[in-house]
Amino acid sequence: MAQQVETKVGKYLYAIVAHPQGCDPGTGTARAVAGRYGPIGIDGGEVYSIPDGQLAAVVSDVPNARLRPERRHLAAHHAVHKCLMQEGALLPMSFGVIADSAQAIRRILTLNRDAFIEQLRRVENRVEMSLVVKYDVPNIFEYFIRTHPELKAYRDQLFGGGRQPSEDDKIELGRLFDRTIRDERVELTQAVVETLVPLCIEIKENPPRGESGVMNLACLVATDGQKAFEQGIFQAAAGFDDNFSFDYSGPWPPYNFVEVHLQT
């Protein structure tokens, strides 16, 4: 007879919050129900809080093994964060943190108490908004040749008159293109940041997404300042032509503005 192997159960950690909360799984809106959130977790698991003093960890039960970052798992992870946002400040955890037991969760809360409380106070009544700006052109190299005379002159010098450039020439042209696009990204980002600074508590510049990316900004904004922030985006975009696209989104949990280094 085959022997059944017992699967150990772990506690999947979604976030740290200041108080137990609850969430209506039908509407995604928060409600105070003694730290119960409904079956909205990984694989439909019941999400609940484990309190310890001033803090609580929001968890669900999962097999205590490495969890694959599949789309459905990531969607559930972020859905819980969205639910928690309705009620107040949270420290969102990175995907895949699993503790052995409720006792281990409470130990995490105890060891990190001061850091957790400090960061919760820092993001209270604040949300994250994101802004991604891209070059909206068919060919970014040809666009830069067309809009930067020095780059065009060097390209024409290398390829003019049927000349076949050397590999070193091609490498140097590539370097000039990289420097030009890098310098323009810095200049354009500074212009947008200057417009948004008065509307944000903090702005973090993340690396642009892909070669067509111009800037990728994470902005910490007061909860009641979202409308003014959106108006600031339109004001910044007015200084750009149709060769650029602006895409802003949010509100999100403050992913870019909390640093949770767990002491275990």
Protein backbone atom coordinates (compact mmCIF):
# COMPACT_ATOMS: atom_id res chain seq x y z
CA MET A 1 0.00 0.00 0.00
CA ALA A 2 1.44 3.37 -1.01
CA GLN A 3 2.27 5.63 1.89
CA GLN A 4 0.73 9.09 1.72
CA VAL A 5 3.14 11.97 2.15
CA GLU A 6 1.75 14.71 4.39
CA THR A 7 2.07 18.18 2.86
CA LYS A 8 3.17 20.80 5.33
CA VAL A 9 1.09 23.96 5.43
CA GLY A 10 2.75 27.37 5.48
CA LYS A 11 1.53 30.94 5.89
CA TYR A 12 1.79 33.00 2.69
CA LEU A 13 2.53 36.60 3.64
CA TYR A 14 0.83 39.32 1.56
CA ALA A 15 1.32 42.46 3.62
CA ILE A 16 1.79 44.08 7.01
CA VAL A 17 -0.98 46.38 8.23
CA ALA A 18 -1.59 48.46 11.32
CA HIS A 19 -4.87 46.82 12.33
CA PRO A 20 -6.86 43.74 11.36
CA GLN A 21 -9.26 44.57 8.54
CA GLY A 22 -11.69 42.73 6.28
CA CYS A 23 -12.65 42.77 2.63
CA ASP A 24 -15.84 41.92 0.78
CA PRO A 25 -14.64 39.43 -1.88
CA GLY A 26 -17.64 40.25 -4.07
CA THR A 27 -16.87 43.94 -4.42
CA GLY A 28 -13.18 44.19 -3.52
CA THR A 29 -13.99 46.85 -0.92
CA ALA A 30 -12.68 46.66 2.61
CA ARG A 31 -14.83 46.09 5.67
CA ALA A 32 -13.98 45.58 9.33
CA VAL A 33 -14.68 41.91 10.04
CA ALA A 34 -12.14 40.85 12.65
CA GLY A 35 -9.32 40.42 10.19
CA ARG A 36 -11.15 38.10 7.76
CA TYR A 37 -10.95 38.92 4.06
CA GLY A 38 -12.68 36.06 2.27
CA PRO A 39 -11.40 33.43 -0.22
CA ILE A 40 -9.40 35.89 -2.35
CA GLY A 41 -5.88 34.52 -1.80
CA ILE A 42 -3.55 32.17 -3.66
CA ASP A 43 -5.57 29.27 -5.14
CA GLY A 44 -8.74 30.73 -3.59
CA GLY A 45 -7.37 30.48 -0.07
CA GLU A 46 -9.09 32.24 2.83
CA VAL A 47 -7.17 35.41 3.64
CA TYR A 48 -6.96 36.47 7.27
CA SER A 49 -4.74 38.43 9.64
CA ILE A 50 -2.41 37.30 12.39
CA PRO A 51 -2.24 40.18 14.89
CA ASP A 52 0.60 40.94 17.24
CA GLY A 53 0.32 44.13 19.26
CA GLN A 54 0.01 47.19 17.01
CA LEU A 55 0.62 45.19 13.83
CA ALA A 56 -0.97 42.39 11.87
CA ALA A 57 0.28 40.18 9.06
CA VAL A 58 -2.19 39.36 6.28
CA VAL A 59 -1.80 35.73 5.20
CA SER A 60 -3.42 32.66 3.72
CA ASP A 61 -2.59 28.97 4.08
CA VAL A 62 -0.57 27.39 1.26
CA PRO A 63 1.61 24.29 0.87
CA ASN A 64 4.96 25.10 2.48
CA ALA A 65 6.98 24.86 -0.72
CA ARG A 66 8.37 27.22 -3.32
CA LEU A 67 5.49 28.96 -5.10
CA ARG A 68 5.82 29.47 -8.85
CA PRO A 69 5.17 33.05 -10.06
CA GLU A 70 2.34 32.00 -12.37
CA ARG A 71 -0.05 34.63 -13.64
CA ARG A 72 -2.93 33.41 -11.45
CA HIS A 73 -0.73 33.51 -8.35
CA LEU A 74 0.53 36.99 -9.10
CA ALA A 75 -3.03 38.16 -9.79
CA ALA A 76 -4.22 36.87 -6.41
CA HIS A 77 -1.21 38.43 -4.65
CA HIS A 78 -2.01 41.87 -6.09
CA ALA A 79 -5.76 41.46 -5.61
CA VAL A 80 -5.21 41.13 -1.86
CA HIS A 81 -3.09 44.31 -1.91
CA LYS A 82 -5.87 46.14 -3.77
CA CYS A 83 -8.37 44.99 -1.18
CA LEU A 84 -6.20 46.17 1.72
CA MET A 85 -5.72 49.60 0.16
CA GLN A 86 -9.40 50.35 0.68
CA GLU A 87 -8.94 50.45 4.44
CA GLY A 88 -5.60 52.10 5.10
CA ALA A 89 -1.83 51.94 4.95
CA LEU A 90 -0.07 48.68 4.15
CA LEU A 91 3.43 47.40 3.58
CA PRO A 92 3.12 45.13 0.52
CA MET A 93 5.37 42.10 0.61
CA SER A 94 7.24 40.74 -2.39
CA PHE A 95 5.75 37.70 -4.08
CA GLY A 96 6.57 34.31 -2.60
CA VAL A 97 7.24 34.91 1.12
CA ILE A 98 6.06 31.86 3.10
CA ALA A 99 6.50 31.34 6.84
CA ASP A 100 6.37 27.96 8.56
CA SER A 101 3.65 28.83 11.09
CA ALA A 102 1.63 31.53 12.83
CA GLN A 103 4.32 31.53 15.51
CA ALA A 104 6.94 32.31 12.85
CA ILE A 105 4.76 35.16 11.54
CA ARG A 106 4.48 36.64 15.04
CA ARG A 107 8.24 36.39 15.43
CA ILE A 108 8.68 38.35 12.17
CA LEU A 109 6.32 41.03 13.51
CA THR A 110 8.19 41.20 16.82
CA LEU A 111 11.68 41.39 15.32
CA ASN A 112 10.71 44.01 12.74
CA ARG A 113 8.18 45.97 14.81
CA ASP A 114 9.92 49.36 14.90
CA ALA A 115 10.78 49.33 11.17
CA PHE A 116 7.24 48.26 10.23
CA ILE A 117 5.58 50.94 12.35
CA GLU A 118 7.91 53.65 11.03
CA GLN A 119 7.20 52.73 7.39
CA LEU A 120 3.45 52.42 7.94
CA ARG A 121 3.44 55.95 9.34
CA ARG A 122 5.47 57.12 6.32
CA VAL A 123 2.94 55.85 3.77
CA GLU A 124 -0.24 56.55 5.73
CA ASN A 125 -2.81 58.41 3.61
CA ARG A 126 -0.51 58.12 0.59
CA VAL A 127 -0.66 56.05 -2.60
CA GLU A 128 1.68 55.29 -5.45
CA MET A 129 1.04 56.56 -8.98
CA SER A 130 3.15 55.54 -11.95
CA LEU A 131 4.06 57.42 -15.13
CA VAL A 132 5.65 55.77 -18.16
CA VAL A 133 6.69 57.91 -21.13
CA LYS A 134 7.84 56.33 -24.41
CA TYR A 135 8.95 57.38 -27.87
CA ASP A 136 5.91 56.68 -30.04
CA VAL A 137 7.75 56.30 -33.35
CA PRO A 138 8.13 53.41 -35.86
CA ASN A 139 11.94 53.39 -35.73
CA ILE A 140 13.71 55.11 -32.86
CA PHE A 141 17.11 55.21 -34.60
CA GLU A 142 15.67 56.91 -37.68
CA TYR A 143 13.76 59.30 -35.43
CA PHE A 144 16.98 60.37 -33.72
CA ILE A 145 18.76 60.72 -37.06
CA ARG A 146 15.95 63.01 -38.17
CA THR A 147 15.88 65.13 -35.01
CA HIS A 148 19.59 65.31 -34.08
CA PRO A 149 21.78 66.95 -36.77
CA GLU A 150 25.08 65.85 -35.23
CA LEU A 151 23.99 62.20 -35.31
CA LYS A 152 22.79 62.52 -38.91
CA ALA A 153 26.03 64.22 -39.98
CA TYR A 154 28.15 61.42 -38.52
CA ARG A 155 25.94 58.72 -40.09
CA ASP A 156 26.18 60.43 -43.49
CA GLN A 157 29.95 60.77 -43.12
CA LEU A 158 30.32 57.04 -42.51
CA PHE A 159 27.93 55.83 -45.22
CA GLY A 160 28.12 58.68 -47.76
CA GLY A 161 29.44 58.17 -51.29
CA GLY A 162 28.97 54.44 -51.18
CA ARG A 163 31.63 54.13 -48.46
CA GLN A 164 31.63 50.89 -46.49
CA PRO A 165 32.27 51.76 -42.80
CA SER A 166 34.50 49.59 -40.67
CA GLU A 167 33.29 47.69 -37.62
CA ASP A 168 34.94 50.33 -35.42
CA ASP A 169 33.00 53.03 -37.28
CA LYS A 170 29.73 51.20 -36.69
CA ILE A 171 30.56 50.75 -33.00
CA GLU A 172 31.34 54.45 -32.64
CA LEU A 173 28.04 55.36 -34.33
CA GLY A 174 26.24 53.08 -31.89
CA ARG A 175 28.00 54.74 -28.97
CA LEU A 176 27.02 58.19 -30.22
CA PHE A 177 23.40 57.06 -30.54
CA ASP A 178 23.45 55.63 -27.00
CA ARG A 179 24.92 58.84 -25.56
CA THR A 180 22.39 60.97 -27.43
CA ILE A 181 19.35 59.01 -26.29
CA ARG A 182 20.69 58.81 -22.73
CA ASP A 183 21.25 62.57 -22.55
CA GLU A 184 17.80 63.28 -23.99
CA ARG A 185 16.14 60.93 -21.51
CA VAL A 186 17.81 62.80 -18.64
CA GLU A 187 16.77 66.20 -20.03
CA LEU A 188 13.15 65.18 -20.65
CA THR A 189 12.83 63.44 -17.29
CA GLN A 190 14.07 66.53 -15.47
CA ALA A 191 11.45 68.65 -17.26
CA VAL A 192 8.61 66.32 -16.21
CA VAL A 193 9.88 65.91 -12.65
CA GLU A 194 10.03 69.70 -12.22
CA THR A 195 6.33 69.87 -13.07
CA LEU A 196 5.36 66.98 -10.76
CA VAL A 197 7.55 67.72 -7.72
CA PRO A 198 5.08 70.18 -6.12
CA LEU A 199 2.33 67.55 -6.44
CA CYS A 200 4.23 64.59 -4.94
CA ILE A 201 5.67 63.67 -1.58
CA GLU A 202 8.45 61.74 -3.33
CA ILE A 203 9.41 60.67 -6.85
CA LYS A 204 11.53 57.64 -7.71
CA GLU A 205 13.12 57.33 -11.14
CA ASN A 206 13.19 53.70 -12.30
CA PRO A 207 15.04 52.53 -15.44
CA PRO A 208 13.09 53.16 -18.69
CA ARG A 209 11.33 50.14 -20.15
CA GLY A 210 13.04 49.02 -23.34
CA GLU A 211 14.81 51.04 -25.98
CA SER A 212 11.72 53.15 -26.68
CA GLY A 213 11.33 54.08 -23.01
CA VAL A 214 11.97 57.68 -22.01
CA MET A 215 11.15 57.59 -18.31
CA ASN A 216 9.52 55.35 -15.72
CA LEU A 217 8.50 57.31 -12.63
CA ALA A 218 6.97 56.09 -9.38
CA CYS A 219 5.29 58.92 -7.50
CA LEU A 220 4.17 58.91 -3.88
CA VAL A 221 1.07 61.09 -3.73
CA ALA A 222 -1.31 62.10 -0.97
CA THR A 223 -4.54 60.11 -1.21
CA ASP A 224 -6.54 63.31 -1.64
CA GLY A 225 -4.01 64.71 -4.13
CA GLN A 226 -4.61 62.27 -6.99
CA LYS A 227 -6.73 64.67 -9.03
CA ALA A 228 -4.09 67.40 -8.86
CA PHE A 229 -1.43 64.84 -9.83
CA GLU A 230 -3.42 63.82 -12.91
CA GLN A 231 -3.76 67.46 -13.94
CA GLY A 232 0.02 67.79 -13.52
CA ILE A 233 0.51 64.89 -15.94
CA PHE A 234 -1.54 66.68 -18.60
CA GLN A 235 0.43 69.86 -17.97
CA ALA A 236 3.73 68.01 -18.41
CA ALA A 237 2.49 66.22 -21.54
CA ALA A 238 1.60 69.55 -23.14
CA GLY A 239 5.32 70.22 -23.56
CA PHE A 240 5.77 67.13 -25.76
CA ASP A 241 4.74 66.50 -29.36
CA ASP A 242 3.02 63.49 -30.93
CA ASN A 243 6.26 61.50 -31.02
CA PHE A 244 5.77 60.68 -27.32
CA SER A 245 3.15 58.70 -25.41
CA PHE A 246 2.24 59.27 -21.74
CA ASP A 247 0.74 56.41 -19.73
CA TYR A 248 -0.08 56.94 -16.05
CA SER A 249 -1.77 54.49 -13.73
CA GLY A 250 -2.74 53.99 -10.12
CA PRO A 251 -3.44 54.26 -7.32
CA TRP A 252 -1.21 51.38 -6.24
CA PRO A 253 0.18 50.27 -2.89
CA PRO A 254 3.52 52.01 -2.21
CA TYR A 255 5.64 49.27 -3.83
CA ASN A 256 8.53 51.61 -4.64
CA PHE A 257 8.53 53.47 -1.34
CA VAL A 258 8.81 50.76 1.30
CA GLU A 259 11.85 48.62 1.96
CA VAL A 260 10.91 45.52 3.88
CA HIS A 261 14.06 43.66 4.93
CA LEU A 262 12.75 40.88 7.14
CA GLN A 263 14.72 39.94 10.23
CA THR A 264 13.95 36.31 10.96
